[in-house]
C-alpha atoms as a PDB file:
ATOM      1  CA  MET A   1     140.915 181.214  41.748  1.00  0.00           C
ATOM      2  CA  PRO A   2     143.024 178.550  40.292  1.00  0.00           C
ATOM      3  CA  VAL A   3     140.175 175.245  39.379  1.00  0.00           C
ATOM      4  CA  ASN A   4     141.223 172.234  39.718  1.00  0.00           C
ATOM      5  CA  THR A   5     138.611 169.759  37.955  1.00  0.00           C
ATOM      6  CA  LEU A   6     138.464 167.207  39.916  1.00  0.00           C
ATOM      7  CA  PHE A   7     138.448 168.229  43.659  1.00  0.00           C
ATOM      8  CA  GLY A   8     137.310 172.017  43.002  1.00  0.00           C
ATOM      9  CA  PRO A   9     139.480 174.866  43.638  1.00  0.00           C
ATOM     10  CA  GLY A  10     142.394 175.016  45.767  1.00  0.00           C
ATOM     11  CA  VAL A  11     142.885 171.651  46.799  1.00  0.00           C
ATOM     12  CA  ARG A  12     145.550 169.849  46.353  1.00  0.00           C
ATOM     13  CA  ARG A  13     145.705 166.785  44.463  1.00  0.00           C
ATOM     14  CA  PRO A  14     147.488 163.459  44.990  1.00  0.00           C
ATOM     15  CA  ALA A  15     147.543 162.506  41.007  1.00  0.00           C
ATOM     16  CA  ALA A  16     147.990 164.652  38.414  1.00  0.00           C
ATOM     17  CA  ALA A  17     145.045 164.955  35.663  1.00  0.00           C
ATOM     18  CA  TRP A  18     142.261 165.741  35.129  1.00  0.00           C
ATOM     19  CA  ALA A  19     118.022 180.343  34.964  1.00  0.00           C
ATOM     20  CA  GLY A  20     115.968 181.573  37.914  1.00  0.00           C
ATOM     21  CA  ALA A  21     116.274 184.397  40.603  1.00  0.00           C
ATOM     22  CA  LEU A  22     119.023 183.747  43.648  1.00  0.00           C
ATOM     23  CA  VAL A  23     117.385 184.470  46.892  1.00  0.00           C
ATOM     24  CA  ALA A  24     120.158 184.487  49.671  1.00  0.00           C
ATOM     25  CA  VAL A  25     118.680 182.642  52.848  1.00  0.00           C
ATOM     26  CA  ALA A  26     120.100 183.637  56.235  1.00  0.00           C
ATOM     27  CA  ALA A  27     121.501 180.333  57.963  1.00  0.00           C
ATOM     28  CA  VAL A  28     121.478 179.058  61.009  1.00  0.00           C
ATOM     29  CA  THR A  29     124.478 177.506  62.435  1.00  0.00           C
ATOM     30  CA  VAL A  30     124.530 175.013  65.189  1.00  0.00           C
ATOM     31  CA  PRO A  31     127.416 173.763  66.846  1.00  0.00           C
ATOM     32  CA  ALA A  32     127.543 169.702  67.354  1.00  0.00           C
ATOM     33  CA  ARG A  33     126.918 169.045  70.795  1.00  0.00           C
ATOM     34  CA  ALA A  34     128.753 167.570  73.502  1.00  0.00           C
ATOM     35  CA  GLY A  35     128.156 163.574  73.455  1.00  0.00           C
ATOM     36  CA  ALA A  36     125.557 164.131  69.873  1.00  0.00           C
ATOM     37  CA  GLU A  37     126.760 163.152  66.984  1.00  0.00           C
ATOM     38  CA  THR A  38     130.081 162.729  66.763  1.00  0.00           C
ATOM     39  CA  VAL A  39     132.729 161.976  63.990  1.00  0.00           C
ATOM     40  CA  ALA A  40     134.587 158.324  63.656  1.00  0.00           C
ATOM     41  CA  GLU A  41     137.536 157.140  61.626  1.00  0.00           C
ATOM     42  CA  TYR A  42     138.603 154.395  59.619  1.00  0.00           C
ATOM     43  CA  PRO A  43     141.763 154.163  57.915  1.00  0.00           C
ATOM     44  CA  VAL A  44     143.008 152.851  54.799  1.00  0.00           C
ATOM     45  CA  THR A  45     145.405 150.476  56.111  1.00  0.00           C
ATOM     46  CA  THR A  46     145.870 148.366  53.234  1.00  0.00           C
ATOM     47  CA  THR A  47     147.135 151.046  50.474  1.00  0.00           C
ATOM     48  CA  ALA A  48     149.256 153.792  51.168  1.00  0.00           C
ATOM     49  CA  GLY A  49     148.224 156.994  49.270  1.00  0.00           C
ATOM     50  CA  ALA A  50     145.222 155.521  48.553  1.00  0.00           C
ATOM     51  CA  ALA A  51     143.752 158.857  48.057  1.00  0.00           C
ATOM     52  CA  PRO A  52     139.844 157.825  48.509  1.00  0.00           C
ATOM     53  CA  ALA A  53     137.421 160.157  46.390  1.00  0.00           C
ATOM     54  CA  GLY A  54     134.146 158.834  45.208  1.00  0.00           C
ATOM     55  CA  ILE A  55     131.987 156.444  47.566  1.00  0.00           C
ATOM     56  CA  THR A  56     128.418 154.749  47.414  1.00  0.00           C
ATOM     57  CA  GLY A  57     126.601 151.894  49.363  1.00  0.00           C
ATOM     58  CA  GLY A  58     127.389 148.459  47.543  1.00  0.00           C
ATOM     59  CA  PRO A  59     124.061 146.004  46.789  1.00  0.00           C
ATOM     60  CA  ASP A  60     126.253 143.709  49.889  1.00  0.00           C
ATOM     61  CA  GLY A  61     125.841 146.036  52.828  1.00  0.00           C
ATOM     62  CA  ALA A  62     129.215 147.367  52.344  1.00  0.00           C
ATOM     63  CA  LEU A  63     131.169 150.508  51.706  1.00  0.00           C
ATOM     64  CA  TRP A  64     132.518 151.093  48.094  1.00  0.00           C
ATOM     65  CA  PHE A  65     134.955 153.584  47.218  1.00  0.00           C
ATOM     66  CA  ALA A  66     137.358 154.859  44.323  1.00  0.00           C
ATOM     67  CA  GLU A  67     141.171 154.966  45.411  1.00  0.00           C
ATOM     68  CA  HIS A  68     142.032 157.626  43.254  1.00  0.00           C
ATOM     69  CA  GLY A  69     145.848 157.961  44.175  1.00  0.00           C
ATOM     70  CA  ALA A  70     146.111 153.751  43.642  1.00  0.00           C
ATOM     71  CA  GLY A  71     144.272 152.631  40.830  1.00  0.00           C
ATOM     72  CA  ARG A  72     141.606 150.515  42.996  1.00  0.00           C
ATOM     73  CA  ILE A  73     138.407 150.004  44.351  1.00  0.00           C
ATOM     74  CA  GLY A  74     137.867 149.202  47.944  1.00  0.00           C
ATOM     75  CA  ARG A  75     135.135 147.393  49.951  1.00  0.00           C
ATOM     76  CA  MET A  76     134.604 148.274  53.720  1.00  0.00           C
ATOM     77  CA  ALA A  77     132.998 145.817  55.698  1.00  0.00           C
ATOM     78  CA  ALA A  78     130.630 146.825  58.680  1.00  0.00           C
ATOM     79  CA  ASP A  79     133.054 145.783  61.033  1.00  0.00           C
ATOM     80  CA  GLY A  80     136.017 148.071  59.208  1.00  0.00           C
ATOM     81  CA  THR A  81     137.700 145.497  57.203  1.00  0.00           C
ATOM     82  CA  VAL A  82     139.020 146.678  53.647  1.00  0.00           C
ATOM     83  CA  THR A  83     139.748 144.970  50.166  1.00  0.00           C
ATOM     84  CA  ASP A  84     141.207 146.356  47.917  1.00  0.00           C
ATOM     85  CA  PHE A  85     140.170 145.175  44.077  1.00  0.00           C
ATOM     86  CA  PRO A  86     143.323 146.718  41.465  1.00  0.00           C
ATOM     87  CA  THR A  87     142.106 147.897  38.109  1.00  0.00           C
ATOM     88  CA  SER A  88     144.581 147.679  35.399  1.00  0.00           C
ATOM     89  CA  GLY A  89     146.887 149.667  36.461  1.00  0.00           C
ATOM     90  CA  PRO A  90     147.846 152.318  39.323  1.00  0.00           C
ATOM     91  CA  ASP A  91     147.426 154.991  37.037  1.00  0.00           C
ATOM     92  CA  THR A  92     144.066 154.715  35.909  1.00  0.00           C
ATOM     93  CA  GLY A  93     142.129 157.422  38.620  1.00  0.00           C
ATOM     94  CA  PRO A  94     139.020 155.775  39.699  1.00  0.00           C
ATOM     95  CA  THR A  95     136.998 158.944  40.422  1.00  0.00           C
ATOM     96  CA  GLU A  96     133.470 158.403  41.413  1.00  0.00           C
ATOM     97  CA  ILE A  97     131.136 155.495  42.271  1.00  0.00           C
ATOM     98  CA  ALA A  98     127.960 154.510  42.038  1.00  0.00           C
ATOM     99  CA  GLN A  99     126.019 151.374  42.146  1.00  0.00           C
ATOM    100  CA  GLY A 100     124.635 150.085  38.922  1.00  0.00           C
ATOM    101  CA  PRO A 101     121.138 148.122  38.343  1.00  0.00           C
ATOM    102  CA  ASP A 102     123.531 144.665  37.495  1.00  0.00           C
ATOM    103  CA  ARG A 103     124.014 144.156  41.391  1.00  0.00           C
ATOM    104  CA  ALA A 104     128.062 145.752  40.803  1.00  0.00           C
ATOM    105  CA  LEU A 105     129.648 148.680  41.265  1.00  0.00           C
ATOM    106  CA  TRP A 106     130.603 151.105  38.606  1.00  0.00           C
ATOM    107  CA  PHE A 107     133.121 153.698  38.812  1.00  0.00           C
ATOM    108  CA  THR A 108     134.876 156.618  36.354  1.00  0.00           C
ATOM    109  CA  GLU A 109     138.795 156.320  35.504  1.00  0.00           C
ATOM    110  CA  ALA A 110     139.591 159.592  34.855  1.00  0.00           C
ATOM    111  CA  ALA A 111     143.258 159.526  34.136  1.00  0.00           C
ATOM    112  CA  ALA A 112     142.320 156.440  31.820  1.00  0.00           C
ATOM    113  CA  GLY A 113     139.715 157.329  29.779  1.00  0.00           C
ATOM    114  CA  ARG A 114     137.520 154.199  30.729  1.00  0.00           C
ATOM    115  CA  ILE A 115     134.494 153.507  32.278  1.00  0.00           C
ATOM    116  CA  GLY A 116     135.323 150.283  34.889  1.00  0.00           C
ATOM    117  CA  ARG A 117     132.526 147.746  36.263  1.00  0.00           C
ATOM    118  CA  VAL A 118     133.365 145.777  39.606  1.00  0.00           C
ATOM    119  CA  THR A 119     131.286 143.127  41.063  1.00  0.00           C
ATOM    120  CA  THR A 120     130.936 142.189  44.482  1.00  0.00           C
ATOM    121  CA  SER A 121     133.253 139.256  44.420  1.00  0.00           C
ATOM    122  CA  GLY A 122     135.897 141.515  42.419  1.00  0.00           C
ATOM    123  CA  ARG A 123     135.381 140.733  39.129  1.00  0.00           C
ATOM    124  CA  LEU A 124     136.273 143.371  37.044  1.00  0.00           C
ATOM    125  CA  THR A 125     135.783 144.933  33.185  1.00  0.00           C
ATOM    126  CA  GLU A 126     136.585 148.461  32.015  1.00  0.00           C
ATOM    127  CA  PHE A 127     134.997 150.154  28.997  1.00  0.00           C
ATOM    128  CA  ARG A 128     137.372 152.551  26.866  1.00  0.00           C
ATOM    129  CA  LEU A 129     135.479 155.896  25.773  1.00  0.00           C
ATOM    130  CA  PRO A 130     135.299 156.680  22.046  1.00  0.00           C
ATOM    131  CA  ARG A 131     137.670 159.711  22.629  1.00  0.00           C
ATOM    132  CA  ALA A 132     141.009 160.420  24.395  1.00  0.00           C
ATOM    133  CA  ASP A 133     141.543 162.494  26.825  1.00  0.00           C
ATOM    134  CA  SER A 134     137.545 162.810  27.617  1.00  0.00           C
ATOM    135  CA  GLY A 135     138.156 162.851  31.669  1.00  0.00           C
ATOM    136  CA  PRO A 136     135.190 161.099  33.183  1.00  0.00           C
ATOM    137  CA  ALA A 137     134.169 162.242  36.319  1.00  0.00           C
ATOM    138  CA  GLY A 138     130.891 161.940  38.145  1.00  0.00           C
ATOM    139  CA  ILE A 139     129.081 158.729  37.271  1.00  0.00           C
ATOM    140  CA  ALA A 140     125.073 157.904  38.119  1.00  0.00           C
ATOM    141  CA  LEU A 141     122.268 155.673  37.684  1.00  0.00           C
ATOM    142  CA  GLY A 142     120.138 156.611  35.613  1.00  0.00           C
ATOM    143  CA  PRO A 143     116.020 156.478  35.500  1.00  0.00           C
ATOM    144  CA  ASP A 144     116.606 154.529  32.112  1.00  0.00           C
ATOM    145  CA  ARG A 145     118.513 151.555  33.900  1.00  0.00           C
ATOM    146  CA  ALA A 146     121.418 152.868  32.216  1.00  0.00           C
ATOM    147  CA  LEU A 147     124.852 154.607  34.084  1.00  0.00           C
ATOM    148  CA  TRP A 148     125.440 158.247  33.043  1.00  0.00           C
ATOM    149  CA  PHE A 149     128.882 160.296  33.546  1.00  0.00           C
ATOM    150  CA  THR A 150     130.258 163.408  32.921  1.00  0.00           C
ATOM    151  CA  GLU A 151     133.439 163.851  30.723  1.00  0.00           C
ATOM    152  CA  ALA A 152     135.261 166.916  31.952  1.00  0.00           C
ATOM    153  CA  THR A 153     137.590 167.232  29.165  1.00  0.00           C
ATOM    154  CA  GLY A 154     135.633 166.011  26.911  1.00  0.00           C
ATOM    155  CA  ASN A 155     132.644 168.241  27.818  1.00  0.00           C
ATOM    156  CA  ARG A 156     130.283 165.957  27.588  1.00  0.00           C
ATOM    157  CA  ILE A 157     127.884 163.831  28.832  1.00  0.00           C
ATOM    158  CA  GLY A 158     128.049 160.032  28.397  1.00  0.00           C
ATOM    159  CA  ARG A 159     125.706 156.908  29.059  1.00  0.00           C
ATOM    160  CA  ILE A 160     126.488 153.383  29.021  1.00  0.00           C
ATOM    161  CA  THR A 161     124.712 150.124  29.466  1.00  0.00           C
ATOM    162  CA  THR A 162     125.227 147.326  30.986  1.00  0.00           C
ATOM    163  CA  ALA A 163     126.325 145.601  28.053  1.00  0.00           C
ATOM    164  CA  GLY A 164     128.987 148.533  27.422  1.00  0.00           C
ATOM    165  CA  ARG A 165     127.391 150.445  25.132  1.00  0.00           C
ATOM    166  CA  ILE A 166     128.299 153.975  24.724  1.00  0.00           C
ATOM    167  CA  THR A 167     126.261 157.024  23.635  1.00  0.00           C
ATOM    168  CA  GLU A 168     127.716 160.832  24.188  1.00  0.00           C
ATOM    169  CA  TYR A 169     125.978 164.045  24.164  1.00  0.00           C
ATOM    170  CA  PRO A 170     128.039 167.501  23.777  1.00  0.00           C
ATOM    171  CA  VAL A 171     127.309 169.833  26.409  1.00  0.00           C
ATOM    172  CA  PRO A 172     126.043 173.315  24.552  1.00  0.00           C
ATOM    173  CA  THR A 173     128.699 175.462  26.743  1.00  0.00           C
ATOM    174  CA  PRO A 174     132.122 175.580  25.791  1.00  0.00           C
ATOM    175  CA  ASP A 175     134.806 174.481  27.937  1.00  0.00           C
ATOM    176  CA  ALA A 176     131.974 173.635  31.347  1.00  0.00           C
ATOM    177  CA  SER A 177     134.021 171.100  32.499  1.00  0.00           C
ATOM    178  CA  PRO A 178     130.569 169.217  33.433  1.00  0.00           C
ATOM    179  CA  HIS A 179     131.374 167.524  37.105  1.00  0.00           C
ATOM    180  CA  SER A 180     128.961 165.518  39.202  1.00  0.00           C
ATOM    181  CA  ILE A 181     125.745 164.242  37.804  1.00  0.00           C
ATOM    182  CA  ALA A 182     122.475 162.487  39.777  1.00  0.00           C
ATOM    183  CA  ALA A 183     119.615 161.215  39.059  1.00  0.00           C
ATOM    184  CA  GLY A 184     116.048 163.886  39.485  1.00  0.00           C
ATOM    185  CA  ARG A 185     112.759 163.518  40.645  1.00  0.00           C
ATOM    186  CA  ASP A 186     111.401 164.736  37.176  1.00  0.00           C
ATOM    187  CA  GLY A 187     112.898 161.664  35.156  1.00  0.00           C
ATOM    188  CA  ALA A 188     115.797 163.399  33.871  1.00  0.00           C
ATOM    189  CA  LEU A 189     119.984 163.782  34.822  1.00  0.00           C
ATOM    190  CA  TRP A 190     120.886 166.871  36.244  1.00  0.00           C
ATOM    191  CA  PHE A 191     125.036 167.909  36.526  1.00  0.00           C
ATOM    192  CA  THR A 192     127.356 170.726  37.193  1.00  0.00           C
ATOM    193  CA  GLU A 193     129.290 172.584  35.434  1.00  0.00           C
ATOM    194  CA  LEU A 194     132.549 173.883  37.185  1.00  0.00           C
ATOM    195  CA  SER A 195     133.817 175.935  34.787  1.00  0.00           C
ATOM    196  CA  GLY A 196     130.942 177.491  33.073  1.00  0.00           C
ATOM    197  CA  GLY A 197     128.777 178.263  36.340  1.00  0.00           C
ATOM    198  CA  LYS A 198     125.943 176.301  35.416  1.00  0.00           C
ATOM    199  CA  VAL A 199     123.418 173.102  36.151  1.00  0.00           C
ATOM    200  CA  GLY A 200     122.396 171.351  33.318  1.00  0.00           C
ATOM    201  CA  ARG A 201     119.454 169.128  32.825  1.00  0.00           C
ATOM    202  CA  ILE A 202     120.023 166.529  30.096  1.00  0.00           C
ATOM    203  CA  THR A 203     117.136 163.923  29.632  1.00  0.00           C
ATOM    204  CA  VAL A 204     117.357 159.919  29.068  1.00  0.00           C
ATOM    205  CA  SER A 205     116.863 160.813  25.362  1.00  0.00           C
ATOM    206  CA  GLY A 206     119.715 163.372  25.121  1.00  0.00           C
ATOM    207  CA  ARG A 207     118.224 166.368  25.517  1.00  0.00           C
ATOM    208  CA  ILE A 208     120.096 169.317  27.370  1.00  0.00           C
ATOM    209  CA  THR A 209     118.964 172.424  28.942  1.00  0.00           C
ATOM    210  CA  GLU A 210     121.609 174.546  31.129  1.00  0.00           C
ATOM    211  CA  PHE A 211     120.621 176.810  33.815  1.00  0.00           C
ATOM    212  CA  PRO A 212     123.165 179.366  34.983  1.00  0.00           C
ATOM    213  CA  LEU A 213     123.737 180.441  38.354  1.00  0.00           C
ATOM    214  CA  PRO A 214     123.101 183.879  38.851  1.00  0.00           C
ATOM    215  CA  GLY A 215     125.839 185.967  40.874  1.00  0.00           C
ATOM    216  CA  GLY A 216     128.915 184.608  39.237  1.00  0.00           C
ATOM    217  CA  ALA A 217     130.126 181.200  38.430  1.00  0.00           C
ATOM    218  CA  GLY A 218     130.584 179.372  41.875  1.00  0.00           C
ATOM    219  CA  PHE A 219     132.295 176.490  40.746  1.00  0.00           C
ATOM    220  CA  PRO A 220     129.217 174.203  41.235  1.00  0.00           C
ATOM    221  CA  GLY A 221     130.751 170.899  42.553  1.00  0.00           C
ATOM    222  CA  GLY A 222     128.915 167.788  43.898  1.00  0.00           C
ATOM    223  CA  ILE A 223     124.623 167.314  43.240  1.00  0.00           C
ATOM    224  CA  VAL A 224     122.218 165.602  44.963  1.00  0.00           C
ATOM    225  CA  ALA A 225     118.392 165.109  44.678  1.00  0.00           C
ATOM    226  CA  GLY A 226     116.809 166.274  47.826  1.00  0.00           C
ATOM    227  CA  PRO A 227     114.078 168.796  49.309  1.00  0.00           C
ATOM    228  CA  GLY A 228     112.794 171.057  46.612  1.00  0.00           C
ATOM    229  CA  GLY A 229     115.052 169.864  43.803  1.00  0.00           C
ATOM    230  CA  MET A 230     118.239 169.111  43.201  1.00  0.00           C
ATOM    231  CA  TRP A 231     120.965 170.349  45.961  1.00  0.00           C
ATOM    232  CA  LEU A 232     124.332 171.222  44.788  1.00  0.00           C
ATOM    233  CA  THR A 233     127.989 173.198  46.552  1.00  0.00           C
ATOM    234  CA  ALA A 234     129.231 175.671  45.117  1.00  0.00           C
ATOM    235  CA  SER A 235     132.862 176.341  47.039  1.00  0.00           C
ATOM    236  CA  GLY A 236     133.545 179.500  44.884  1.00  0.00           C
ATOM    237  CA  VAL A 237     130.551 181.542  46.535  1.00  0.00           C
ATOM    238  CA  ARG A 238     130.917 179.152  49.981  1.00  0.00           C
ATOM    239  CA  ALA A 239     127.174 178.326  49.775  1.00  0.00           C
ATOM    240  CA  ALA A 240     124.908 175.044  49.269  1.00  0.00           C
ATOM    241  CA  VAL A 241     122.720 175.990  46.334  1.00  0.00           C
ATOM    242  CA  ARG A 242     118.948 174.522  45.450  1.00  0.00           C
ATOM    243  CA  ILE A 243     117.402 174.844  42.021  1.00  0.00           C
ATOM    244  CA  ASP A 244     113.823 173.534  41.372  1.00  0.00           C
ATOM    245  CA  TYR A 245     112.708 171.779  38.566  1.00  0.00           C
ATOM    246  CA  GLU A 246     111.816 174.942  36.979  1.00  0.00           C
ATOM    247  CA  GLY A 247     115.370 176.666  37.346  1.00  0.00           C
ATOM    248  CA  ARG A 248     114.539 178.980  40.271  1.00  0.00           C
ATOM    249  CA  VAL A 249     117.332 179.002  42.472  1.00  0.00           C
ATOM    250  CA  THR A 250     117.863 179.051  45.949  1.00  0.00           C
ATOM    251  CA  ARG A 251     121.256 180.147  47.589  1.00  0.00           C
ATOM    252  CA  PHE A 252     122.204 178.864  51.504  1.00  0.00           C
ATOM    253  CA  PRO A 253     125.982 180.452  52.897  1.00  0.00           C
ATOM    254  CA  LEU A 254     127.501 177.956  54.630  1.00  0.00           C
ATOM    255  CA  PRO A 255     129.624 178.941  57.795  1.00  0.00           C
ATOM    256  CA  GLY A 256     133.480 179.444  58.294  1.00  0.00           C
ATOM    257  CA  PRO A 257     135.664 181.572  56.174  1.00  0.00           C
ATOM    258  CA  ASP A 258     137.465 178.904  54.770  1.00  0.00           C
ATOM    259  CA  THR A 259     134.744 176.771  54.029  1.00  0.00           C
ATOM    260  CA  LEU A 260     135.010 174.911  50.412  1.00  0.00           C
ATOM    261  CA  PRO A 261     132.427 172.415  50.096  1.00  0.00           C
ATOM    262  CA  GLY A 262     132.972 169.453  47.789  1.00  0.00           C
ATOM    263  CA  GLY A 263     130.637 166.287  47.972  1.00  0.00           C
ATOM    264  CA  ILE A 264     126.778 166.825  48.874  1.00  0.00           C
ATOM    265  CA  THR A 265     124.271 163.813  49.524  1.00  0.00           C
ATOM    266  CA  ARG A 266     121.007 163.218  51.310  1.00  0.00           C
ATOM    267  CA  GLY A 267     120.991 161.049  54.083  1.00  0.00           C
ATOM    268  CA  PRO A 268     119.341 158.764  55.666  1.00  0.00           C
ATOM    269  CA  ASP A 269     117.144 161.635  58.227  1.00  0.00           C
ATOM    270  CA  GLY A 270     116.541 162.934  54.758  1.00  0.00           C
ATOM    271  CA  HIS A 271     118.545 166.061  55.481  1.00  0.00           C
ATOM    272  CA  ILE A 272     120.809 167.727  53.161  1.00  0.00           C
ATOM    273  CA  TRP A 273     124.860 166.284  53.899  1.00  0.00           C
ATOM    274  CA  TYR A 274     127.830 168.103  52.867  1.00  0.00           C
ATOM    275  CA  ALA A 275     131.555 167.514  52.969  1.00  0.00           C
ATOM    276  CA  ASP A 276     133.872 170.673  53.902  1.00  0.00           C
ATOM    277  CA  GLN A 277     137.198 170.120  52.469  1.00  0.00           C
ATOM    278  CA  SER A 278     138.685 172.632  55.081  1.00  0.00           C
ATOM    279  CA  GLY A 279     137.969 169.799  57.828  1.00  0.00           C
ATOM    280  CA  ARG A 280     134.096 169.411  58.649  1.00  0.00           C
ATOM    281  CA  ILE A 281     130.793 167.705  57.815  1.00  0.00           C
ATOM    282  CA  GLY A 282     127.905 169.780  57.610  1.00  0.00           C
ATOM    283  CA  ARG A 283     124.115 168.889  57.705  1.00  0.00           C
ATOM    284  CA  ILE A 284     121.630 171.192  56.328  1.00  0.00           C
ATOM    285  CA  THR A 285     117.749 171.228  56.456  1.00  0.00           C
ATOM    286  CA  ALA A 286     115.233 172.602  53.648  1.00  0.00           C
ATOM    287  CA  THR A 287     114.819 175.798  55.129  1.00  0.00           C
ATOM    288  CA  GLY A 288     118.643 176.507  55.891  1.00  0.00           C
ATOM    289  CA  ARG A 289     119.552 175.336  59.304  1.00  0.00           C
ATOM    290  CA  ILE A 290     122.720 174.122  59.183  1.00  0.00           C
ATOM    291  CA  LYS A 291     124.735 172.584  62.056  1.00  0.00           C
ATOM    292  CA  THR A 292     128.673 171.269  61.523  1.00  0.00           C
ATOM    293  CA  PHE A 293     130.469 168.426  62.802  1.00  0.00           C
ATOM    294  CA  PRO A 294     134.316 168.902  63.153  1.00  0.00           C
ATOM    295  CA  VAL A 295     136.773 166.055  61.409  1.00  0.00           C
ATOM    296  CA  PRO A 296     139.972 165.769  64.212  1.00  0.00           C
ATOM    297  CA  ASP A 297     142.779 167.499  61.944  1.00  0.00           C
ATOM    298  CA  GLY A 298     140.736 167.816  59.090  1.00  0.00           C
ATOM    299  CA  ALA A 299     141.766 170.435  57.381  1.00  0.00           C
ATOM    300  CA  ASP A 300     145.051 168.220  56.590  1.00  0.00           C
ATOM    301  CA  LYS A 301     142.691 165.351  55.437  1.00  0.00           C
ATOM    302  CA  VAL A 302     140.223 166.661  53.017  1.00  0.00           C
ATOM    303  CA  PRO A 303     136.859 165.438  53.577  1.00  0.00           C
ATOM    304  CA  LEU A 304     135.532 164.875  49.907  1.00  0.00           C
ATOM    305  CA  ARG A 305     132.718 162.678  49.262  1.00  0.00           C
ATOM    306  CA  LEU A 306     129.755 161.240  51.087  1.00  0.00           C
ATOM    307  CA  THR A 307     126.863 158.348  51.236  1.00  0.00           C
ATOM    308  CA  ALA A 308     124.184 157.549  53.134  1.00  0.00           C
ATOM    309  CA  GLY A 309     125.492 153.869  54.337  1.00  0.00           C
ATOM    310  CA  PRO A 310     125.127 151.542  56.851  1.00  0.00           C
ATOM    311  CA  GLY A 311     124.160 151.924  60.671  1.00  0.00           C
ATOM    312  CA  ARG A 312     122.031 154.779  59.864  1.00  0.00           C
ATOM    313  CA  ALA A 313     125.471 157.158  59.424  1.00  0.00           C
ATOM    314  CA  VAL A 314     126.752 159.557  56.423  1.00  0.00           C
ATOM    315  CA  TRP A 315     129.735 157.923  55.229  1.00  0.00           C
ATOM    316  CA  PHE A 316     132.448 159.917  53.657  1.00  0.00           C
ATOM    317  CA  THR A 317     136.076 159.635  52.117  1.00  0.00           C
ATOM    318  CA  GLU A 318     139.255 161.312  53.318  1.00  0.00           C
ATOM    319  CA  LEU A 319     141.239 162.252  50.632  1.00  0.00           C
ATOM    320  CA  LEU A 320     144.472 162.657  51.764  1.00  0.00           C
ATOM    321  CA  GLY A 321     143.708 161.395  55.353  1.00  0.00           C
ATOM    322  CA  ASN A 322     143.981 157.851  53.851  1.00  0.00           C
ATOM    323  CA  ALA A 323     140.730 157.266  55.780  1.00  0.00           C
ATOM    324  CA  LEU A 324     136.716 157.160  55.749  1.00  0.00           C
ATOM    325  CA  GLY A 325     134.720 158.505  58.043  1.00  0.00           C
ATOM    326  CA  ARG A 326     131.526 158.247  59.557  1.00  0.00           C
ATOM    327  CA  VAL A 327     128.762 160.601  61.564  1.00  0.00           C
ATOM    328  CA  ARG A 328     125.764 158.686  62.805  1.00  0.00           C
ATOM    329  CA  VAL A 329     122.297 160.049  62.293  1.00  0.00           C
ATOM    330  CA  GLY A 330     120.436 161.623  65.477  1.00  0.00           C
END
């Protein structure tokens, strides 16, 4: 199975670049009822081929997203109006985005090898990483009020302060392709190793522990803190995975023979939500009960990343649909 280091195995890219016992839990799938939560879509009309990737809520109440195919950062207001803020070039490859402690948005530039910062008024600052071809991918706010990020090709975890000071920590497993990163409730950050088939934990002092995923690599992708530990997607085994803070792993098989889970987030309802790149948005409870919401013509749009956002909703990006989507939480 080919590995795409940015979007997971088997996904078309718009831009070139870049220990515990396993318990299988039978998932219960509930199809969406007529009249229940439905998917709404909001096209990105400002830029053709924007290829929206990462997405987050901003301090201004708007949604902010990385336009991977256009080298821009987008802002969508509550009424669906989109404003674009260009980075230093169209080929910088903005990938993931997170809100910082300074009321600004911080993002990775996978192709340019930089970390970017943009204020809500559109003022841009970019910080070049110490080594070329590092391939920064995921980014998250840490408990120390710094931004932590993965270097997919550099095989390191990075830390950047709001003043721009960068520190890097090598991942012990060679060629692990660290992918997504999220803060846990244990005071550390957790990250996925797309090629290494492991989940990593890094303390704010830089100490890394790795936990292999039993039963095959699984291509672990997105990761988020949720009920009982950290939750992640594993597209290679078509599952969501929970790892508790002691390293014990539980796997939840996802419905659909073509399922290709990517992004993952915790919704405003407290449940875990994931983007199925084959054309669905899914919700999974702590006990493994799953409900899916089809995206119209979703197989051609590639739902990719998600975030809890305004209107008590889960919002997601459509990489090839050039749009943002919304599922209201009941």
